[in-house]
Amino acid sequence: MLAVRVSQEVEERLARLAKLTGRTKTFYVREALEEHLDELEEIYLAEHVLEEIRSGKEEMVSLDSLIAKHGLDD
């Protein structure tokens, strides 16, 4: 179970959409999450990795080094 607080405007829009389409508000919230969760993960996890790199906790490797290491150069 998940409870989400949204602005009054979002609540009203969601309620209107649900009423006009005969679907539940839960349906639309689930749809929105499933549609955009990948994007949110990509954005926020990338930001986390960037913070790790900047703080020195994550090591960077150049593309040239990876190519040489794995024998992918021509």
PDB file of N, CA and C in Angstrom:
ATOM      1  N   MET A   1       0.851  -1.182   0.000  1.00  0.00           N
ATOM      2  CA  MET A   1       0.000   0.000   0.000  1.00  0.00           C
ATOM      3  C   MET A   1       0.886   1.230   0.000  1.00  0.00           C
ATOM      4  N   LEU A   2       0.441   2.237  -0.704  1.00  0.00           N
ATOM      5  CA  LEU A   2       1.195   3.477  -0.838  1.00  0.00           C
ATOM      6  C   LEU A   2       0.214   4.638  -0.756  1.00  0.00           C
ATOM      7  N   ALA A   3       0.547   5.613   0.047  1.00  0.00           N
ATOM      8  CA  ALA A   3      -0.276   6.826   0.134  1.00  0.00           C
ATOM      9  C   ALA A   3       0.545   7.976  -0.432  1.00  0.00           C
ATOM     10  N   VAL A   4      -0.078   8.790  -1.261  1.00  0.00           N
ATOM     11  CA  VAL A   4       0.617   9.889  -1.910  1.00  0.00           C
ATOM     12  C   VAL A   4      -0.178  11.165  -1.711  1.00  0.00           C
ATOM     13  N   ARG A   5       0.499  12.206  -1.253  1.00  0.00           N
ATOM     14  CA  ARG A   5      -0.138  13.517  -1.130  1.00  0.00           C
ATOM     15  C   ARG A   5       0.169  14.315  -2.388  1.00  0.00           C
ATOM     16  N   VAL A   6      -0.874  14.876  -2.964  1.00  0.00           N
ATOM     17  CA  VAL A   6      -0.707  15.714  -4.145  1.00  0.00           C
ATOM     18  C   VAL A   6      -1.429  17.036  -3.904  1.00  0.00           C
ATOM     19  N   SER A   7      -1.135  18.017  -4.722  1.00  0.00           N
ATOM     20  CA  SER A   7      -1.797  19.312  -4.583  1.00  0.00           C
ATOM     21  C   SER A   7      -3.290  19.171  -4.886  1.00  0.00           C
ATOM     22  N   GLN A   8      -4.036  20.140  -4.432  1.00  0.00           N
ATOM     23  CA  GLN A   8      -5.477  20.144  -4.683  1.00  0.00           C
ATOM     24  C   GLN A   8      -5.757  20.137  -6.183  1.00  0.00           C
ATOM     25  N   GLU A   9      -4.963  20.884  -6.924  1.00  0.00           N
ATOM     26  CA  GLU A   9      -5.150  20.940  -8.373  1.00  0.00           C
ATOM     27  C   GLU A   9      -4.959  19.573  -9.021  1.00  0.00           C
ATOM     28  N   VAL A  10      -3.900  18.867  -8.631  1.00  0.00           N
ATOM     29  CA  VAL A  10      -3.636  17.545  -9.186  1.00  0.00           C
ATOM     30  C   VAL A  10      -4.756  16.582  -8.788  1.00  0.00           C
ATOM     31  N   GLU A  11      -5.202  16.648  -7.551  1.00  0.00           N
ATOM     32  CA  GLU A  11      -6.302  15.797  -7.085  1.00  0.00           C
ATOM     33  C   GLU A  11      -7.559  16.033  -7.916  1.00  0.00           C
ATOM     34  N   GLU A  12      -7.864  17.287  -8.168  1.00  0.00           N
ATOM     35  CA  GLU A  12      -9.064  17.615  -8.947  1.00  0.00           C
ATOM     36  C   GLU A  12      -8.950  17.133 -10.391  1.00  0.00           C
ATOM     37  N   ARG A  13      -7.783  17.329 -10.975  1.00  0.00           N
ATOM     38  CA  ARG A  13      -7.567  16.863 -12.351  1.00  0.00           C
ATOM     39  C   ARG A  13      -7.674  15.348 -12.440  1.00  0.00           C
ATOM     40  N   LEU A  14      -7.091  14.684 -11.482  1.00  0.00           N
ATOM     41  CA  LEU A  14      -7.133  13.223 -11.451  1.00  0.00           C
ATOM     42  C   LEU A  14      -8.556  12.719 -11.261  1.00  0.00           C
ATOM     43  N   ALA A  15      -9.285  13.353 -10.356  1.00  0.00           N
ATOM     44  CA  ALA A  15     -10.677  12.962 -10.107  1.00  0.00           C
ATOM     45  C   ALA A  15     -11.526  13.186 -11.354  1.00  0.00           C
ATOM     46  N   ARG A  16     -11.302  14.297 -12.036  1.00  0.00           N
ATOM     47  CA  ARG A  16     -12.065  14.590 -13.261  1.00  0.00           C
ATOM     48  C   ARG A  16     -11.772  13.560 -14.337  1.00  0.00           C
ATOM     49  N   LEU A  17     -10.500  13.256 -14.542  1.00  0.00           N
ATOM     50  CA  LEU A  17     -10.108  12.263 -15.531  1.00  0.00           C
ATOM     51  C   LEU A  17     -10.745  10.914 -15.225  1.00  0.00           C
ATOM     52  N   ALA A  18     -10.666  10.516 -13.961  1.00  0.00           N
ATOM     53  CA  ALA A  18     -11.238   9.237 -13.552  1.00  0.00           C
ATOM     54  C   ALA A  18     -12.750   9.204 -13.802  1.00  0.00           C
ATOM     55  N   LYS A  19     -13.421  10.274 -13.446  1.00  0.00           N
ATOM     56  CA  LYS A  19     -14.879  10.341 -13.617  1.00  0.00           C
ATOM     57  C   LYS A  19     -15.266  10.288 -15.095  1.00  0.00           C
ATOM     58  N   LEU A  20     -14.568  11.052 -15.912  1.00  0.00           N
ATOM     59  CA  LEU A  20     -14.904  11.108 -17.335  1.00  0.00           C
ATOM     60  C   LEU A  20     -14.607   9.814 -18.078  1.00  0.00           C
ATOM     61  N   THR A  21     -13.636   9.054 -17.608  1.00  0.00           N
ATOM     62  CA  THR A  21     -13.227   7.836 -18.321  1.00  0.00           C
ATOM     63  C   THR A  21     -13.752   6.552 -17.691  1.00  0.00           C
ATOM     64  N   GLY A  22     -14.302   6.671 -16.484  1.00  0.00           N
ATOM     65  CA  GLY A  22     -14.802   5.473 -15.814  1.00  0.00           C
ATOM     66  C   GLY A  22     -13.705   4.604 -15.213  1.00  0.00           C
ATOM     67  N   ARG A  23     -12.527   5.133 -15.116  1.00  0.00           N
ATOM     68  CA  ARG A  23     -11.422   4.410 -14.477  1.00  0.00           C
ATOM     69  C   ARG A  23     -11.192   5.010 -13.098  1.00  0.00           C
ATOM     70  N   THR A  24     -10.373   4.335 -12.301  1.00  0.00           N
ATOM     71  CA  THR A  24     -10.105   4.824 -10.957  1.00  0.00           C
ATOM     72  C   THR A  24      -8.897   5.762 -10.956  1.00  0.00           C
ATOM     73  N   LYS A  25      -8.822   6.596  -9.936  1.00  0.00           N
ATOM     74  CA  LYS A  25      -7.639   7.438  -9.764  1.00  0.00           C
ATOM     75  C   LYS A  25      -6.413   6.561  -9.578  1.00  0.00           C
ATOM     76  N   THR A  26      -6.570   5.455  -8.883  1.00  0.00           N
ATOM     77  CA  THR A  26      -5.462   4.523  -8.674  1.00  0.00           C
ATOM     78  C   THR A  26      -4.917   4.014  -9.995  1.00  0.00           C
ATOM     79  N   PHE A  27      -5.805   3.741 -10.938  1.00  0.00           N
ATOM     80  CA  PHE A  27      -5.375   3.286 -12.256  1.00  0.00           C
ATOM     81  C   PHE A  27      -4.416   4.295 -12.875  1.00  0.00           C
ATOM     82  N   TYR A  28      -4.794   5.574 -12.845  1.00  0.00           N
ATOM     83  CA  TYR A  28      -3.970   6.600 -13.477  1.00  0.00           C
ATOM     84  C   TYR A  28      -2.670   6.863 -12.732  1.00  0.00           C
ATOM     85  N   VAL A  29      -2.695   6.782 -11.424  1.00  0.00           N
ATOM     86  CA  VAL A  29      -1.461   6.941 -10.655  1.00  0.00           C
ATOM     87  C   VAL A  29      -0.514   5.788 -10.972  1.00  0.00           C
ATOM     88  N   ARG A  30      -1.051   4.575 -11.039  1.00  0.00           N
ATOM     89  CA  ARG A  30      -0.231   3.404 -11.378  1.00  0.00           C
ATOM     90  C   ARG A  30       0.350   3.556 -12.783  1.00  0.00           C
ATOM     91  N   GLU A  31      -0.472   3.982 -13.734  1.00  0.00           N
ATOM     92  CA  GLU A  31      -0.009   4.188 -15.103  1.00  0.00           C
ATOM     93  C   GLU A  31       1.134   5.204 -15.162  1.00  0.00           C
ATOM     94  N   ALA A  32       0.964   6.317 -14.451  1.00  0.00           N
ATOM     95  CA  ALA A  32       1.984   7.364 -14.452  1.00  0.00           C
ATOM     96  C   ALA A  32       3.291   6.846 -13.866  1.00  0.00           C
ATOM     97  N   LEU A  33       3.205   6.121 -12.765  1.00  0.00           N
ATOM     98  CA  LEU A  33       4.414   5.577 -12.140  1.00  0.00           C
ATOM     99  C   LEU A  33       5.113   4.580 -13.055  1.00  0.00           C
ATOM    100  N   GLU A  34       4.339   3.669 -13.615  1.00  0.00           N
ATOM    101  CA  GLU A  34       4.945   2.664 -14.483  1.00  0.00           C
ATOM    102  C   GLU A  34       5.558   3.297 -15.720  1.00  0.00           C
ATOM    103  N   GLU A  35       4.933   4.349 -16.238  1.00  0.00           N
ATOM    104  CA  GLU A  35       5.427   5.019 -17.437  1.00  0.00           C
ATOM    105  C   GLU A  35       6.709   5.802 -17.173  1.00  0.00           C
ATOM    106  N   HIS A  36       6.829   6.396 -15.996  1.00  0.00           N
ATOM    107  CA  HIS A  36       7.923   7.321 -15.746  1.00  0.00           C
ATOM    108  C   HIS A  36       8.963   6.861 -14.727  1.00  0.00           C
ATOM    109  N   LEU A  37       8.772   5.713 -14.105  1.00  0.00           N
ATOM    110  CA  LEU A  37       9.721   5.257 -13.094  1.00  0.00           C
ATOM    111  C   LEU A  37      11.108   5.032 -13.675  1.00  0.00           C
ATOM    112  N   ASP A  38      11.183   4.480 -14.881  1.00  0.00           N
ATOM    113  CA  ASP A  38      12.491   4.279 -15.516  1.00  0.00           C
ATOM    114  C   ASP A  38      13.237   5.602 -15.658  1.00  0.00           C
ATOM    115  N   GLU A  39      12.526   6.636 -16.092  1.00  0.00           N
ATOM    116  CA  GLU A  39      13.146   7.952 -16.260  1.00  0.00           C
ATOM    117  C   GLU A  39      13.625   8.510 -14.920  1.00  0.00           C
ATOM    118  N   LEU A  40      12.806   8.376 -13.903  1.00  0.00           N
ATOM    119  CA  LEU A  40      13.181   8.884 -12.583  1.00  0.00           C
ATOM    120  C   LEU A  40      14.394   8.151 -12.033  1.00  0.00           C
ATOM    121  N   GLU A  41      14.413   6.831 -12.207  1.00  0.00           N
ATOM    122  CA  GLU A  41      15.576   6.061 -11.753  1.00  0.00           C
ATOM    123  C   GLU A  41      16.834   6.517 -12.476  1.00  0.00           C
ATOM    124  N   GLU A  42      16.720   6.685 -13.780  1.00  0.00           N
ATOM    125  CA  GLU A  42      17.876   7.091 -14.568  1.00  0.00           C
ATOM    126  C   GLU A  42      18.411   8.448 -14.106  1.00  0.00           C
ATOM    127  N   ILE A  43      17.521   9.391 -13.896  1.00  0.00           N
ATOM    128  CA  ILE A  43      17.933  10.736 -13.486  1.00  0.00           C
ATOM    129  C   ILE A  43      18.555  10.722 -12.102  1.00  0.00           C
ATOM    130  N   TYR A  44      17.840  10.179 -11.124  1.00  0.00           N
ATOM    131  CA  TYR A  44      18.308  10.273  -9.742  1.00  0.00           C
ATOM    132  C   TYR A  44      19.478   9.347  -9.448  1.00  0.00           C
ATOM    133  N   LEU A  45      19.523   8.178 -10.094  1.00  0.00           N
ATOM    134  CA  LEU A  45      20.667   7.297  -9.879  1.00  0.00           C
ATOM    135  C   LEU A  45      21.911   7.866 -10.554  1.00  0.00           C
ATOM    136  N   ALA A  46      21.742   8.507 -11.704  1.00  0.00           N
ATOM    137  CA  ALA A  46      22.882   9.159 -12.363  1.00  0.00           C
ATOM    138  C   ALA A  46      23.421  10.292 -11.495  1.00  0.00           C
ATOM    139  N   GLU A  47      22.528  11.055 -10.889  1.00  0.00           N
ATOM    140  CA  GLU A  47      22.962  12.126  -9.993  1.00  0.00           C
ATOM    141  C   GLU A  47      23.736  11.558  -8.809  1.00  0.00           C
ATOM    142  N   HIS A  48      23.291  10.419  -8.300  1.00  0.00           N
ATOM    143  CA  HIS A  48      23.972   9.775  -7.181  1.00  0.00           C
ATOM    144  C   HIS A  48      25.388   9.351  -7.590  1.00  0.00           C
ATOM    145  N   VAL A  49      25.515   8.739  -8.744  1.00  0.00           N
ATOM    146  CA  VAL A  49      26.831   8.304  -9.219  1.00  0.00           C
ATOM    147  C   VAL A  49      27.735   9.513  -9.438  1.00  0.00           C
ATOM    148  N   LEU A  50      27.190  10.587  -9.990  1.00  0.00           N
ATOM    149  CA  LEU A  50      27.980  11.797 -10.189  1.00  0.00           C
ATOM    150  C   LEU A  50      28.510  12.339  -8.865  1.00  0.00           C
ATOM    151  N   GLU A  51      27.691  12.318  -7.833  1.00  0.00           N
ATOM    152  CA  GLU A  51      28.133  12.747  -6.504  1.00  0.00           C
ATOM    153  C   GLU A  51      29.255  11.842  -5.992  1.00  0.00           C
ATOM    154  N   GLU A  52      29.124  10.544  -6.244  1.00  0.00           N
ATOM    155  CA  GLU A  52      30.158   9.593  -5.827  1.00  0.00           C
ATOM    156  C   GLU A  52      31.479   9.868  -6.559  1.00  0.00           C
ATOM    157  N   ILE A  53      31.394  10.187  -7.837  1.00  0.00           N
ATOM    158  CA  ILE A  53      32.599  10.496  -8.614  1.00  0.00           C
ATOM    159  C   ILE A  53      33.246  11.765  -8.081  1.00  0.00           C
ATOM    160  N   ARG A  54      32.437  12.789  -7.877  1.00  0.00           N
ATOM    161  CA  ARG A  54      32.977  14.067  -7.392  1.00  0.00           C
ATOM    162  C   ARG A  54      33.610  13.954  -6.013  1.00  0.00           C
ATOM    163  N   SER A  55      33.085  13.061  -5.181  1.00  0.00           N
ATOM    164  CA  SER A  55      33.616  12.913  -3.826  1.00  0.00           C
ATOM    165  C   SER A  55      34.802  11.943  -3.780  1.00  0.00           C
ATOM    166  N   GLY A  56      35.105  11.325  -4.926  1.00  0.00           N
ATOM    167  CA  GLY A  56      36.228  10.396  -4.983  1.00  0.00           C
ATOM    168  C   GLY A  56      35.886   8.981  -4.560  1.00  0.00           C
ATOM    169  N   LYS A  57      34.636   8.697  -4.316  1.00  0.00           N
ATOM    170  CA  LYS A  57      34.212   7.357  -3.895  1.00  0.00           C
ATOM    171  C   LYS A  57      34.027   6.414  -5.085  1.00  0.00           C
ATOM    172  N   GLU A  58      33.896   6.983  -6.266  1.00  0.00           N
ATOM    173  CA  GLU A  58      33.692   6.195  -7.489  1.00  0.00           C
ATOM    174  C   GLU A  58      34.836   6.517  -8.448  1.00  0.00           C
ATOM    175  N   GLU A  59      35.394   5.491  -9.044  1.00  0.00           N
ATOM    176  CA  GLU A  59      36.531   5.667  -9.940  1.00  0.00           C
ATOM    177  C   GLU A  59      36.049   5.839 -11.382  1.00  0.00           C
ATOM    178  N   MET A  60      36.701   6.727 -12.101  1.00  0.00           N
ATOM    179  CA  MET A  60      36.402   6.910 -13.516  1.00  0.00           C
ATOM    180  C   MET A  60      37.475   6.216 -14.333  1.00  0.00           C
ATOM    181  N   VAL A  61      37.058   5.655 -15.462  1.00  0.00           N
ATOM    182  CA  VAL A  61      37.971   4.982 -16.373  1.00  0.00           C
ATOM    183  C   VAL A  61      37.721   5.546 -17.766  1.00  0.00           C
ATOM    184  N   SER A  62      38.767   5.857 -18.489  1.00  0.00           N
ATOM    185  CA  SER A  62      38.594   6.421 -19.823  1.00  0.00           C
ATOM    186  C   SER A  62      38.116   5.352 -20.797  1.00  0.00           C
ATOM    187  N   LEU A  63      37.449   5.800 -21.838  1.00  0.00           N
ATOM    188  CA  LEU A  63      36.985   4.883 -22.877  1.00  0.00           C
ATOM    189  C   LEU A  63      38.161   4.171 -23.528  1.00  0.00           C
ATOM    190  N   ASP A  64      39.242   4.883 -23.768  1.00  0.00           N
ATOM    191  CA  ASP A  64      40.427   4.268 -24.371  1.00  0.00           C
ATOM    192  C   ASP A  64      40.964   3.124 -23.515  1.00  0.00           C
ATOM    193  N   SER A  65      40.954   3.322 -22.198  1.00  0.00           N
ATOM    194  CA  SER A  65      41.434   2.276 -21.287  1.00  0.00           C
ATOM    195  C   SER A  65      40.539   1.043 -21.357  1.00  0.00           C
ATOM    196  N   LEU A  66      39.247   1.246 -21.406  1.00  0.00           N
ATOM    197  CA  LEU A  66      38.309   0.121 -21.495  1.00  0.00           C
ATOM    198  C   LEU A  66      38.469  -0.639 -22.806  1.00  0.00           C
ATOM    199  N   ILE A  67      38.630   0.096 -23.887  1.00  0.00           N
ATOM    200  CA  ILE A  67      38.807  -0.540 -25.193  1.00  0.00           C
ATOM    201  C   ILE A  67      40.069  -1.383 -25.201  1.00  0.00           C
ATOM    202  N   ALA A  68      41.154  -0.827 -24.685  1.00  0.00           N
ATOM    203  CA  ALA A  68      42.429  -1.560 -24.630  1.00  0.00           C
ATOM    204  C   ALA A  68      42.329  -2.769 -23.702  1.00  0.00           C
ATOM    205  N   LYS A  69      41.710  -2.578 -22.540  1.00  0.00           N
ATOM    206  CA  LYS A  69      41.595  -3.656 -21.553  1.00  0.00           C
ATOM    207  C   LYS A  69      40.845  -4.850 -22.113  1.00  0.00           C
ATOM    208  N   HIS A  70      39.818  -4.601 -22.904  1.00  0.00           N
ATOM    209  CA  HIS A  70      38.969  -5.682 -23.405  1.00  0.00           C
ATOM    210  C   HIS A  70      39.298  -6.075 -24.833  1.00  0.00           C
ATOM    211  N   GLY A  71      40.403  -5.568 -25.344  1.00  0.00           N
ATOM    212  CA  GLY A  71      40.866  -5.968 -26.676  1.00  0.00           C
ATOM    213  C   GLY A  71      39.917  -5.587 -27.788  1.00  0.00           C
ATOM    214  N   LEU A  72      39.302  -4.438 -27.686  1.00  0.00           N
ATOM    215  CA  LEU A  72      38.330  -4.026 -28.694  1.00  0.00           C
ATOM    216  C   LEU A  72      38.909  -3.062 -29.717  1.00  0.00           C
ATOM    217  N   ASP A  73      40.186  -2.727 -29.575  1.00  0.00           N
ATOM    218  CA  ASP A  73      40.763  -1.800 -30.534  1.00  0.00           C
ATOM    219  C   ASP A  73      41.054  -2.535 -31.843  1.00  0.00           C
ATOM    220  N   ASP A  74      41.023  -1.775 -32.926  1.00  0.00           N
ATOM    221  CA  ASP A  74      41.200  -2.378 -34.261  1.00  0.00           C
ATOM    222  C   ASP A  74      42.609  -2.791 -34.519  1.00  0.00           C
TER     223      ASP A  74
END
